[in-house]
Amino acid sequence: MAIEEQTLERTLEVLNYQGVHARPAALIVKTATQFKADVTVFRKDDEDEEVNAKSIMGLMMLAAGQGTELVFRARGEDAAELLDALEALFKSNFNE
């Protein structure tokens, strides 16, 4: 009998002035791809457009400006660590 993996969720606010433009999107992808867990993201105000958080194009399509709340859903053995790393990246304002 397989143990079902739990899906973890974390809401992160875009704090940097320019929002999630190309460089922050690349940093999110670079961070997320270091983990085995699957991770998706959507705008808190538009759950219908959920994208793969390991895709730069998907992240750019969210048009997440400053103040946007993004909800990340991670599933897999290192899901909690992945969400912690993304939270640290957001809190650093993507090193801008």
N, C-alpha and C. Protein backbone atom coordinates (compact mmCIF):
# COMPACT_ATOMS: atom_id res chain seq x y z
N MET A 1 0.85 -1.19 0.00
CA MET A 1 0.00 0.00 0.00
C MET A 1 0.89 1.25 0.00
N ALA A 2 0.71 2.10 -0.97
CA ALA A 2 1.52 3.31 -1.09
C ALA A 2 0.98 4.40 -0.17
N ILE A 3 1.89 5.15 0.36
CA ILE A 3 1.50 6.29 1.19
C ILE A 3 1.19 7.46 0.26
N GLU A 4 0.01 8.04 0.42
CA GLU A 4 -0.37 9.17 -0.43
C GLU A 4 0.38 10.42 0.02
N GLU A 5 0.96 11.11 -0.95
CA GLU A 5 1.69 12.32 -0.64
C GLU A 5 0.72 13.47 -0.39
N GLN A 6 1.06 14.26 0.57
CA GLN A 6 0.23 15.41 0.92
C GLN A 6 0.61 16.60 0.05
N THR A 7 -0.38 17.37 -0.35
CA THR A 7 -0.13 18.60 -1.08
C THR A 7 -0.05 19.73 -0.07
N LEU A 8 1.04 20.47 -0.12
CA LEU A 8 1.24 21.62 0.77
C LEU A 8 1.01 22.89 -0.02
N GLU A 9 0.52 23.91 0.66
CA GLU A 9 0.20 25.17 0.01
C GLU A 9 0.81 26.32 0.80
N ARG A 10 1.30 27.32 0.08
CA ARG A 10 1.83 28.51 0.75
C ARG A 10 1.51 29.73 -0.11
N THR A 11 0.99 30.77 0.52
CA THR A 11 0.68 32.02 -0.17
C THR A 11 1.83 32.99 0.07
N LEU A 12 2.37 33.52 -1.03
CA LEU A 12 3.50 34.45 -0.96
C LEU A 12 3.12 35.73 -1.69
N GLU A 13 3.44 36.86 -1.09
CA GLU A 13 3.13 38.15 -1.70
C GLU A 13 4.35 38.68 -2.45
N VAL A 14 4.10 39.17 -3.65
CA VAL A 14 5.17 39.78 -4.45
C VAL A 14 5.44 41.16 -3.85
N LEU A 15 6.63 41.33 -3.29
CA LEU A 15 6.98 42.56 -2.59
C LEU A 15 7.80 43.53 -3.45
N ASN A 16 8.56 43.00 -4.39
CA ASN A 16 9.45 43.88 -5.14
C ASN A 16 8.66 44.79 -6.09
N TYR A 17 9.20 45.95 -6.34
CA TYR A 17 8.55 47.02 -7.09
C TYR A 17 8.13 46.59 -8.49
N GLN A 18 8.98 45.83 -9.18
CA GLN A 18 8.70 45.49 -10.57
C GLN A 18 7.91 44.19 -10.75
N GLY A 19 7.59 43.53 -9.65
CA GLY A 19 6.81 42.30 -9.75
C GLY A 19 7.63 41.14 -10.29
N VAL A 20 6.93 40.11 -10.73
CA VAL A 20 7.60 38.92 -11.26
C VAL A 20 7.82 39.12 -12.76
N HIS A 21 8.91 39.80 -13.08
CA HIS A 21 9.31 39.96 -14.47
C HIS A 21 10.28 38.83 -14.81
N ALA A 22 11.01 38.92 -15.90
CA ALA A 22 11.83 37.80 -16.39
C ALA A 22 12.85 37.29 -15.38
N ARG A 23 13.59 38.18 -14.73
CA ARG A 23 14.64 37.72 -13.81
C ARG A 23 14.06 37.03 -12.57
N PRO A 24 13.07 37.61 -11.89
CA PRO A 24 12.47 36.89 -10.76
C PRO A 24 11.84 35.55 -11.19
N ALA A 25 11.22 35.52 -12.37
CA ALA A 25 10.64 34.27 -12.85
C ALA A 25 11.73 33.21 -13.02
N ALA A 26 12.86 33.63 -13.57
CA ALA A 26 13.99 32.70 -13.75
C ALA A 26 14.51 32.22 -12.40
N LEU A 27 14.54 33.10 -11.40
CA LEU A 27 15.00 32.70 -10.07
C LEU A 27 14.03 31.72 -9.41
N ILE A 28 12.74 31.93 -9.63
CA ILE A 28 11.74 31.01 -9.08
C ILE A 28 11.94 29.63 -9.71
N VAL A 29 12.10 29.59 -11.03
CA VAL A 29 12.30 28.33 -11.73
C VAL A 29 13.60 27.67 -11.26
N LYS A 30 14.67 28.44 -11.17
CA LYS A 30 15.97 27.90 -10.73
C LYS A 30 15.85 27.29 -9.34
N THR A 31 15.14 27.97 -8.45
CA THR A 31 14.94 27.47 -7.09
C THR A 31 14.08 26.21 -7.10
N ALA A 32 12.96 26.26 -7.80
CA ALA A 32 12.01 25.14 -7.80
C ALA A 32 12.61 23.87 -8.41
N THR A 33 13.44 24.03 -9.44
CA THR A 33 13.98 22.85 -10.11
C THR A 33 15.07 22.15 -9.29
N GLN A 34 15.48 22.72 -8.20
CA GLN A 34 16.44 22.08 -7.32
C GLN A 34 15.78 21.01 -6.45
N PHE A 35 14.47 20.91 -6.52
CA PHE A 35 13.70 19.98 -5.68
C PHE A 35 12.95 18.99 -6.56
N LYS A 36 12.67 17.83 -6.00
CA LYS A 36 11.95 16.77 -6.72
C LYS A 36 10.45 17.02 -6.76
N ALA A 37 9.93 17.73 -5.79
CA ALA A 37 8.48 17.93 -5.67
C ALA A 37 7.93 18.65 -6.90
N ASP A 38 6.70 18.30 -7.24
CA ASP A 38 5.97 19.03 -8.27
C ASP A 38 5.41 20.29 -7.62
N VAL A 39 5.42 21.39 -8.35
CA VAL A 39 4.92 22.64 -7.78
C VAL A 39 4.18 23.44 -8.85
N THR A 40 3.00 23.91 -8.47
CA THR A 40 2.21 24.78 -9.34
C THR A 40 1.96 26.08 -8.59
N VAL A 41 1.49 27.08 -9.34
CA VAL A 41 1.23 28.39 -8.74
C VAL A 41 0.06 29.04 -9.47
N PHE A 42 -0.70 29.82 -8.70
CA PHE A 42 -1.78 30.61 -9.28
C PHE A 42 -1.93 31.89 -8.48
N ARG A 43 -2.53 32.89 -9.11
CA ARG A 43 -2.84 34.14 -8.41
C ARG A 43 -3.99 33.85 -7.45
N LYS A 44 -3.89 34.38 -6.25
CA LYS A 44 -4.95 34.14 -5.27
C LYS A 44 -6.30 34.64 -5.77
N ASP A 45 -6.29 35.66 -6.62
CA ASP A 45 -7.54 36.22 -7.15
C ASP A 45 -7.99 35.54 -8.45
N ASP A 46 -7.27 34.49 -8.88
CA ASP A 46 -7.64 33.80 -10.13
C ASP A 46 -7.13 32.36 -10.10
N GLU A 47 -7.82 31.52 -9.36
CA GLU A 47 -7.39 30.13 -9.19
C GLU A 47 -7.54 29.32 -10.47
N ASP A 48 -8.27 29.84 -11.45
CA ASP A 48 -8.49 29.11 -12.70
C ASP A 48 -7.23 28.99 -13.55
N GLU A 49 -6.28 29.90 -13.38
CA GLU A 49 -5.06 29.89 -14.19
C GLU A 49 -3.89 29.39 -13.35
N GLU A 50 -3.85 28.08 -13.13
CA GLU A 50 -2.77 27.47 -12.36
C GLU A 50 -1.70 26.99 -13.33
N VAL A 51 -0.45 27.36 -13.07
CA VAL A 51 0.64 27.02 -13.98
C VAL A 51 1.75 26.27 -13.24
N ASN A 52 2.59 25.62 -13.99
CA ASN A 52 3.75 24.93 -13.45
C ASN A 52 4.76 25.99 -12.99
N ALA A 53 5.16 25.93 -11.72
CA ALA A 53 6.10 26.93 -11.19
C ALA A 53 7.53 26.66 -11.63
N LYS A 54 7.74 25.60 -12.41
CA LYS A 54 9.06 25.33 -12.97
C LYS A 54 9.12 25.77 -14.43
N SER A 55 8.17 26.61 -14.83
CA SER A 55 8.08 27.11 -16.21
C SER A 55 8.14 28.63 -16.22
N ILE A 56 9.18 29.17 -16.84
CA ILE A 56 9.31 30.64 -16.92
C ILE A 56 8.11 31.23 -17.66
N MET A 57 7.71 30.62 -18.77
CA MET A 57 6.59 31.16 -19.54
C MET A 57 5.30 31.13 -18.71
N GLY A 58 5.08 30.06 -17.97
CA GLY A 58 3.89 29.98 -17.12
C GLY A 58 3.88 31.08 -16.09
N LEU A 59 5.01 31.30 -15.45
CA LEU A 59 5.11 32.35 -14.43
C LEU A 59 4.87 33.73 -15.03
N MET A 60 5.42 33.98 -16.21
CA MET A 60 5.26 35.28 -16.85
C MET A 60 3.80 35.53 -17.22
N MET A 61 3.07 34.47 -17.59
CA MET A 61 1.66 34.62 -17.96
C MET A 61 0.79 35.06 -16.79
N LEU A 62 1.25 34.85 -15.56
CA LEU A 62 0.47 35.26 -14.39
C LEU A 62 0.43 36.77 -14.21
N ALA A 63 1.36 37.48 -14.84
CA ALA A 63 1.43 38.95 -14.75
C ALA A 63 1.31 39.41 -13.29
N ALA A 64 2.19 38.89 -12.45
CA ALA A 64 2.14 39.16 -11.01
C ALA A 64 2.93 40.42 -10.67
N GLY A 65 2.23 41.51 -10.48
CA GLY A 65 2.86 42.77 -10.09
C GLY A 65 3.02 42.87 -8.58
N GLN A 66 3.61 43.95 -8.16
CA GLN A 66 3.80 44.19 -6.73
C GLN A 66 2.46 44.11 -6.01
N GLY A 67 2.45 43.39 -4.89
CA GLY A 67 1.24 43.24 -4.09
C GLY A 67 0.40 42.03 -4.44
N THR A 68 0.71 41.38 -5.56
CA THR A 68 -0.03 40.18 -5.95
C THR A 68 0.28 39.04 -4.99
N GLU A 69 -0.74 38.32 -4.59
CA GLU A 69 -0.55 37.14 -3.76
C GLU A 69 -0.57 35.91 -4.66
N LEU A 70 0.51 35.14 -4.61
CA LEU A 70 0.62 33.92 -5.39
C LEU A 70 0.53 32.72 -4.45
N VAL A 71 -0.23 31.74 -4.85
CA VAL A 71 -0.40 30.53 -4.04
C VAL A 71 0.37 29.40 -4.72
N PHE A 72 1.36 28.87 -4.02
CA PHE A 72 2.17 27.77 -4.51
C PHE A 72 1.67 26.48 -3.89
N ARG A 73 1.48 25.45 -4.71
CA ARG A 73 1.08 24.12 -4.26
C ARG A 73 2.19 23.15 -4.61
N ALA A 74 2.72 22.49 -3.60
CA ALA A 74 3.81 21.54 -3.82
C ALA A 74 3.42 20.17 -3.33
N ARG A 75 3.85 19.16 -4.08
CA ARG A 75 3.53 17.77 -3.75
C ARG A 75 4.77 16.93 -4.03
N GLY A 76 5.22 16.22 -3.00
CA GLY A 76 6.38 15.36 -3.16
C GLY A 76 7.17 15.29 -1.87
N GLU A 77 8.22 14.48 -1.89
CA GLU A 77 8.97 14.21 -0.67
C GLU A 77 9.63 15.45 -0.07
N ASP A 78 10.01 16.41 -0.90
CA ASP A 78 10.69 17.60 -0.37
C ASP A 78 9.85 18.87 -0.58
N ALA A 79 8.52 18.71 -0.58
CA ALA A 79 7.61 19.83 -0.83
C ALA A 79 7.77 20.95 0.19
N ALA A 80 7.90 20.61 1.47
CA ALA A 80 8.03 21.64 2.50
C ALA A 80 9.31 22.45 2.31
N GLU A 81 10.40 21.77 1.99
CA GLU A 81 11.68 22.46 1.77
C GLU A 81 11.61 23.36 0.55
N LEU A 82 10.92 22.91 -0.49
CA LEU A 82 10.75 23.72 -1.69
C LEU A 82 10.00 25.01 -1.36
N LEU A 83 8.91 24.88 -0.62
CA LEU A 83 8.13 26.07 -0.26
C LEU A 83 8.92 27.00 0.65
N ASP A 84 9.73 26.46 1.54
CA ASP A 84 10.59 27.30 2.39
C ASP A 84 11.58 28.08 1.54
N ALA A 85 12.17 27.43 0.54
CA ALA A 85 13.14 28.10 -0.33
C ALA A 85 12.47 29.20 -1.15
N LEU A 86 11.26 28.94 -1.65
CA LEU A 86 10.54 29.97 -2.40
C LEU A 86 10.18 31.15 -1.50
N GLU A 87 9.77 30.85 -0.27
CA GLU A 87 9.43 31.93 0.65
C GLU A 87 10.65 32.81 0.94
N ALA A 88 11.80 32.19 1.13
CA ALA A 88 13.03 32.96 1.36
C ALA A 88 13.36 33.83 0.15
N LEU A 89 13.16 33.30 -1.06
CA LEU A 89 13.41 34.06 -2.28
C LEU A 89 12.49 35.28 -2.35
N PHE A 90 11.21 35.07 -2.06
CA PHE A 90 10.26 36.19 -2.09
C PHE A 90 10.60 37.23 -1.03
N LYS A 91 10.97 36.79 0.17
CA LYS A 91 11.31 37.73 1.24
C LYS A 91 12.57 38.53 0.93
N SER A 92 13.43 37.99 0.08
CA SER A 92 14.66 38.70 -0.31
C SER A 92 14.40 39.68 -1.44
N ASN A 93 13.13 39.79 -1.88
CA ASN A 93 12.76 40.63 -3.02
C ASN A 93 13.54 40.23 -4.28
N PHE A 94 13.80 38.94 -4.41
CA PHE A 94 14.52 38.40 -5.55
C PHE A 94 15.90 39.03 -5.70
N ASN A 95 16.48 39.42 -4.56
CA ASN A 95 17.82 40.01 -4.52
C ASN A 95 17.94 41.28 -5.36
N GLU A 96 16.83 42.02 -5.46
CA GLU A 96 16.87 43.27 -6.23
C GLU A 96 17.18 44.44 -5.34
